[in-house]
């Protein structure tokens, strides 16, 4: 009987999101987007926030939004391995390609001089 109860509780966790949870995630995503707009349209142009720190903060907020979307709307919140792989692998490729392009750009800059 305890196995059946555990299976039912596990199924309820994965059954879907309630309207309350959907609206909760919506407001979080809207809040993050509003902060991103504030950074991009007010804080950086007026010099309140430096470009470097503003860009890092902007990227971190975008990754946080990506986490919320993947976790709640793609239902990977309860699948830890899938969530980790869906965020970690693309991030590793992006970092690799950014480093690669910086290296190549540096090479071409020095070869032309």
N, C-alpha and C. Protein backbone atom coordinates (compact mmCIF):
# COMPACT_ATOMS: atom_id res chain seq x y z
N UNK A 1 0.82 -1.20 0.00
CA UNK A 1 0.00 0.00 0.00
C UNK A 1 0.86 1.26 0.00
N UNK A 2 1.98 1.22 0.70
CA UNK A 2 2.82 2.41 0.75
C UNK A 2 3.45 2.69 -0.62
N UNK A 3 3.73 1.63 -1.40
CA UNK A 3 4.28 1.85 -2.74
C UNK A 3 3.25 2.53 -3.64
N UNK A 4 1.99 2.15 -3.50
CA UNK A 4 0.94 2.76 -4.29
C UNK A 4 0.77 4.23 -3.91
N UNK A 5 0.82 4.53 -2.62
CA UNK A 5 0.69 5.91 -2.16
C UNK A 5 1.85 6.76 -2.66
N UNK A 6 3.05 6.20 -2.64
CA UNK A 6 4.22 6.92 -3.14
C UNK A 6 4.10 7.17 -4.64
N UNK A 7 3.62 6.19 -5.37
CA UNK A 7 3.45 6.35 -6.82
C UNK A 7 2.41 7.42 -7.13
N UNK A 8 1.34 7.48 -6.34
CA UNK A 8 0.32 8.51 -6.56
C UNK A 8 0.87 9.90 -6.27
N UNK A 9 1.65 10.03 -5.21
CA UNK A 9 2.25 11.33 -4.87
C UNK A 9 3.23 11.74 -5.96
N UNK A 10 3.99 10.77 -6.46
CA UNK A 10 4.95 11.06 -7.53
C UNK A 10 4.22 11.49 -8.79
N UNK A 11 3.10 10.82 -9.10
CA UNK A 11 2.31 11.18 -10.28
C UNK A 11 1.72 12.58 -10.13
N UNK A 12 1.27 12.94 -8.93
CA UNK A 12 0.70 14.26 -8.71
C UNK A 12 1.73 15.36 -8.93
N UNK A 13 2.98 15.09 -8.58
CA UNK A 13 4.03 16.08 -8.81
C UNK A 13 4.22 16.35 -10.30
N UNK A 14 4.05 15.32 -11.12
CA UNK A 14 4.30 15.44 -12.55
C UNK A 14 3.02 15.64 -13.36
N UNK A 15 1.88 15.66 -12.70
CA UNK A 15 0.60 15.71 -13.42
C UNK A 15 0.45 16.99 -14.24
N UNK A 16 1.00 18.06 -13.79
CA UNK A 16 0.89 19.32 -14.52
C UNK A 16 0.88 20.47 -13.55
N UNK A 17 0.92 21.63 -14.13
CA UNK A 17 0.95 22.82 -13.30
C UNK A 17 -0.47 23.34 -13.12
N UNK A 18 -0.71 23.85 -11.94
CA UNK A 18 -2.00 24.47 -11.67
C UNK A 18 -1.99 25.88 -12.25
N UNK A 19 -3.17 26.45 -12.36
CA UNK A 19 -3.26 27.82 -12.87
C UNK A 19 -2.49 28.79 -11.97
N UNK A 20 -2.54 28.52 -10.67
CA UNK A 20 -1.83 29.38 -9.71
C UNK A 20 -0.32 29.32 -9.96
N UNK A 21 0.21 28.14 -10.21
CA UNK A 21 1.65 28.01 -10.46
C UNK A 21 2.03 28.64 -11.79
N UNK A 22 1.18 28.49 -12.81
CA UNK A 22 1.46 29.10 -14.11
C UNK A 22 1.53 30.62 -13.96
N UNK A 23 0.57 31.20 -13.24
CA UNK A 23 0.59 32.65 -13.05
C UNK A 23 1.79 33.07 -12.20
N UNK A 24 2.15 32.26 -11.25
CA UNK A 24 3.32 32.56 -10.42
C UNK A 24 4.59 32.62 -11.27
N UNK A 25 4.77 31.63 -12.14
CA UNK A 25 5.93 31.61 -13.03
C UNK A 25 5.85 32.77 -14.02
N UNK A 26 4.65 33.07 -14.51
CA UNK A 26 4.48 34.21 -15.42
C UNK A 26 4.95 35.51 -14.77
N UNK A 27 4.55 35.75 -13.53
CA UNK A 27 4.94 36.99 -12.85
C UNK A 27 6.44 37.03 -12.59
N UNK A 28 7.04 35.89 -12.28
CA UNK A 28 8.50 35.85 -12.10
C UNK A 28 9.20 36.20 -13.41
N UNK A 29 8.76 35.58 -14.51
CA UNK A 29 9.36 35.87 -15.81
C UNK A 29 9.14 37.33 -16.23
N UNK A 30 7.96 37.86 -15.96
CA UNK A 30 7.68 39.26 -16.26
C UNK A 30 8.58 40.18 -15.44
N UNK A 31 8.77 39.86 -14.17
CA UNK A 31 9.64 40.66 -13.30
C UNK A 31 11.08 40.65 -13.79
N UNK A 32 11.57 39.48 -14.17
CA UNK A 32 12.94 39.38 -14.69
C UNK A 32 13.08 40.18 -15.98
N UNK A 33 12.08 40.08 -16.86
CA UNK A 33 12.10 40.83 -18.11
C UNK A 33 12.08 42.34 -17.85
N UNK A 34 11.28 42.77 -16.89
CA UNK A 34 11.23 44.20 -16.54
C UNK A 34 12.59 44.68 -16.03
N UNK A 35 13.26 43.87 -15.23
CA UNK A 35 14.60 44.22 -14.73
C UNK A 35 15.58 44.30 -15.89
N UNK A 36 15.48 43.36 -16.84
CA UNK A 36 16.35 43.40 -18.02
C UNK A 36 16.13 44.68 -18.84
N UNK A 37 14.87 45.06 -19.03
CA UNK A 37 14.58 46.30 -19.75
C UNK A 37 15.13 47.50 -18.99
N UNK A 38 15.00 47.50 -17.68
CA UNK A 38 15.52 48.59 -16.87
C UNK A 38 17.04 48.71 -17.02
N UNK A 39 17.71 47.58 -17.00
CA UNK A 39 19.17 47.57 -17.18
C UNK A 39 19.54 48.09 -18.56
N UNK A 40 18.89 47.54 -19.60
CA UNK A 40 19.27 47.86 -20.99
C UNK A 40 18.86 49.26 -21.42
N UNK A 41 17.74 49.76 -20.92
CA UNK A 41 17.22 51.04 -21.42
C UNK A 41 17.45 52.22 -20.49
N UNK A 42 17.77 51.96 -19.22
CA UNK A 42 17.93 53.07 -18.28
C UNK A 42 19.30 53.06 -17.61
N UNK A 43 19.63 51.97 -16.93
CA UNK A 43 20.83 51.96 -16.09
C UNK A 43 22.12 52.05 -16.89
N UNK A 44 22.24 51.31 -17.98
CA UNK A 44 23.47 51.35 -18.78
C UNK A 44 23.57 52.66 -19.58
N UNK A 45 22.52 53.09 -20.30
CA UNK A 45 22.65 54.34 -21.07
C UNK A 45 22.92 55.58 -20.21
N UNK A 46 22.40 55.62 -18.99
CA UNK A 46 22.61 56.79 -18.13
C UNK A 46 23.90 56.69 -17.34
N UNK A 47 24.65 55.61 -17.50
CA UNK A 47 25.92 55.48 -16.82
C UNK A 47 25.82 55.06 -15.37
N UNK A 48 24.65 54.66 -14.93
CA UNK A 48 24.47 54.22 -13.54
C UNK A 48 25.14 52.86 -13.34
N UNK A 49 25.14 52.07 -14.37
CA UNK A 49 25.73 50.73 -14.35
C UNK A 49 26.71 50.63 -15.51
N UNK A 50 27.89 50.07 -15.26
CA UNK A 50 28.88 49.91 -16.31
C UNK A 50 28.46 48.87 -17.32
N UNK A 51 28.98 48.99 -18.54
CA UNK A 51 28.62 48.05 -19.60
C UNK A 51 29.00 46.62 -19.24
N UNK A 52 30.19 46.42 -18.72
CA UNK A 52 30.65 45.06 -18.40
C UNK A 52 29.78 44.39 -17.37
N UNK A 53 29.57 45.06 -16.24
CA UNK A 53 28.74 44.49 -15.18
C UNK A 53 27.29 44.36 -15.63
N UNK A 54 26.81 45.37 -16.38
CA UNK A 54 25.43 45.32 -16.88
C UNK A 54 25.22 44.14 -17.81
N UNK A 55 26.20 43.88 -18.67
CA UNK A 55 26.08 42.74 -19.59
C UNK A 55 26.11 41.42 -18.84
N UNK A 56 26.98 41.30 -17.85
CA UNK A 56 27.04 40.07 -17.05
C UNK A 56 25.73 39.86 -16.31
N UNK A 57 25.20 40.92 -15.73
CA UNK A 57 23.92 40.83 -15.02
C UNK A 57 22.79 40.47 -15.97
N UNK A 58 22.81 41.08 -17.15
CA UNK A 58 21.79 40.81 -18.17
C UNK A 58 21.84 39.34 -18.60
N UNK A 59 23.02 38.81 -18.82
CA UNK A 59 23.18 37.41 -19.21
C UNK A 59 22.71 36.48 -18.10
N UNK A 60 23.07 36.81 -16.85
CA UNK A 60 22.63 35.98 -15.72
C UNK A 60 21.11 35.96 -15.61
N UNK A 61 20.47 37.11 -15.79
CA UNK A 61 19.01 37.15 -15.73
C UNK A 61 18.38 36.37 -16.88
N UNK A 62 18.99 36.43 -18.04
CA UNK A 62 18.48 35.67 -19.19
C UNK A 62 18.61 34.17 -18.94
N UNK A 63 19.72 33.75 -18.35
CA UNK A 63 19.87 32.33 -18.01
C UNK A 63 18.86 31.91 -16.94
N UNK A 64 18.56 32.80 -16.01
CA UNK A 64 17.54 32.51 -15.00
C UNK A 64 16.17 32.33 -15.66
N UNK A 65 15.86 33.20 -16.63
CA UNK A 65 14.60 33.03 -17.37
C UNK A 65 14.58 31.72 -18.13
N UNK A 66 15.70 31.37 -18.74
CA UNK A 66 15.78 30.10 -19.47
C UNK A 66 15.54 28.93 -18.52
N UNK A 67 16.09 29.00 -17.32
CA UNK A 67 15.86 27.95 -16.33
C UNK A 67 14.38 27.82 -16.01
N UNK A 68 13.71 28.95 -15.75
CA UNK A 68 12.28 28.90 -15.43
C UNK A 68 11.48 28.30 -16.57
N UNK A 69 11.78 28.71 -17.78
CA UNK A 69 11.03 28.19 -18.93
C UNK A 69 11.24 26.70 -19.10
N UNK A 70 12.49 26.26 -19.01
CA UNK A 70 12.79 24.84 -19.18
C UNK A 70 12.22 24.03 -18.01
N UNK A 71 12.36 24.54 -16.82
CA UNK A 71 11.92 23.80 -15.63
C UNK A 71 10.41 23.65 -15.56
N UNK A 72 9.69 24.73 -15.81
CA UNK A 72 8.24 24.69 -15.58
C UNK A 72 7.43 24.43 -16.84
N UNK A 73 7.77 25.06 -17.95
CA UNK A 73 6.95 24.89 -19.14
C UNK A 73 7.36 23.69 -19.98
N UNK A 74 8.60 23.24 -19.83
CA UNK A 74 9.02 22.02 -20.51
C UNK A 74 8.99 20.84 -19.54
N UNK A 75 8.51 21.08 -18.32
CA UNK A 75 8.29 20.06 -17.30
C UNK A 75 9.56 19.28 -16.94
N UNK A 76 10.68 19.94 -16.90
CA UNK A 76 11.92 19.27 -16.53
C UNK A 76 12.33 19.54 -15.09
N UNK A 77 11.48 20.20 -14.33
CA UNK A 77 11.83 20.52 -12.94
C UNK A 77 12.07 19.26 -12.12
N UNK A 78 11.31 18.23 -12.37
CA UNK A 78 11.43 17.01 -11.58
C UNK A 78 12.38 16.01 -12.23
N UNK A 79 12.87 16.32 -13.39
CA UNK A 79 13.85 15.46 -14.06
C UNK A 79 15.20 16.15 -13.99
N UNK A 80 15.87 15.96 -12.88
CA UNK A 80 17.10 16.71 -12.60
C UNK A 80 18.17 16.50 -13.68
N UNK A 81 18.36 15.27 -14.12
CA UNK A 81 19.40 15.00 -15.10
C UNK A 81 19.07 15.68 -16.43
N UNK A 82 17.82 15.61 -16.85
CA UNK A 82 17.41 16.25 -18.10
C UNK A 82 17.56 17.77 -18.02
N UNK A 83 17.21 18.35 -16.86
CA UNK A 83 17.35 19.78 -16.68
C UNK A 83 18.81 20.20 -16.70
N UNK A 84 19.64 19.45 -16.03
CA UNK A 84 21.07 19.76 -16.00
C UNK A 84 21.66 19.67 -17.40
N UNK A 85 21.36 18.60 -18.11
CA UNK A 85 21.91 18.44 -19.47
C UNK A 85 21.37 19.49 -20.43
N UNK A 86 20.10 19.85 -20.30
CA UNK A 86 19.53 20.83 -21.23
C UNK A 86 20.08 22.23 -21.03
N UNK A 87 20.63 22.50 -19.87
CA UNK A 87 21.24 23.80 -19.62
C UNK A 87 22.76 23.72 -19.74
N UNK A 88 23.34 22.66 -19.23
CA UNK A 88 24.80 22.56 -19.16
C UNK A 88 25.44 22.37 -20.54
N UNK A 89 24.91 21.48 -21.34
CA UNK A 89 25.53 21.18 -22.64
C UNK A 89 25.49 22.39 -23.58
N UNK A 90 24.34 23.06 -23.78
CA UNK A 90 24.38 24.25 -24.65
C UNK A 90 25.29 25.35 -24.09
N UNK A 91 25.30 25.52 -22.77
CA UNK A 91 26.17 26.53 -22.17
C UNK A 91 27.64 26.22 -22.43
N UNK A 92 28.01 24.95 -22.34
CA UNK A 92 29.39 24.57 -22.61
C UNK A 92 29.75 24.86 -24.07
N UNK A 93 28.84 24.55 -25.01
CA UNK A 93 29.09 24.85 -26.42
C UNK A 93 29.22 26.34 -26.66
N UNK A 94 28.38 27.14 -26.03
CA UNK A 94 28.44 28.59 -26.21
C UNK A 94 29.77 29.13 -25.68
N UNK A 95 30.16 28.69 -24.49
CA UNK A 95 31.44 29.14 -23.93
C UNK A 95 32.59 28.71 -24.84
N UNK A 96 32.55 27.48 -25.32
CA UNK A 96 33.59 26.99 -26.22
C UNK A 96 33.69 27.85 -27.48
N UNK A 97 32.54 28.14 -28.10
CA UNK A 97 32.55 28.92 -29.34
C UNK A 97 32.96 30.37 -29.10
N UNK A 98 32.59 30.95 -27.97
CA UNK A 98 33.02 32.32 -27.67
C UNK A 98 34.53 32.36 -27.51
N UNK A 99 35.09 31.41 -26.76
CA UNK A 99 36.54 31.37 -26.58
C UNK A 99 37.23 31.13 -27.92
N UNK A 100 36.68 30.24 -28.72
CA UNK A 100 37.26 29.93 -30.02
C UNK A 100 37.25 31.16 -30.93
N UNK A 101 36.13 31.89 -30.97
CA UNK A 101 36.04 33.08 -31.81
C UNK A 101 36.98 34.18 -31.30
N UNK A 102 37.12 34.33 -30.00
CA UNK A 102 38.06 35.32 -29.47
C UNK A 102 39.49 34.96 -29.86
N UNK A 103 39.82 33.69 -29.77
CA UNK A 103 41.16 33.24 -30.16
C UNK A 103 41.41 33.49 -31.64
N UNK A 104 40.44 33.13 -32.47
CA UNK A 104 40.58 33.33 -33.92
C UNK A 104 40.65 34.81 -34.27
N UNK A 105 39.83 35.62 -33.62
CA UNK A 105 39.86 37.05 -33.87
C UNK A 105 41.21 37.65 -33.49
N UNK A 106 41.76 37.20 -32.37
CA UNK A 106 43.07 37.66 -31.93
C UNK A 106 44.14 37.25 -32.93
N UNK A 107 44.04 36.02 -33.44
CA UNK A 107 45.00 35.52 -34.43
C UNK A 107 44.95 36.38 -35.69
N UNK A 108 43.75 36.65 -36.21
CA UNK A 108 43.61 37.43 -37.45
C UNK A 108 44.05 38.88 -37.24
N UNK A 109 43.82 39.41 -36.03
CA UNK A 109 44.25 40.77 -35.77
C UNK A 109 45.78 40.86 -35.81
N UNK A 110 46.46 39.88 -35.23
CA UNK A 110 47.92 39.91 -35.20
C UNK A 110 48.54 39.56 -36.56
N UNK A 111 47.89 38.75 -37.33
CA UNK A 111 48.44 38.36 -38.63
C UNK A 111 48.33 39.53 -39.63
N UNK A 112 47.35 40.40 -39.47
CA UNK A 112 47.15 41.53 -40.39
C UNK A 112 48.06 42.70 -40.06
N UNK A 113 48.61 42.72 -38.85
CA UNK A 113 49.48 43.84 -38.47
C UNK A 113 50.84 43.67 -38.97
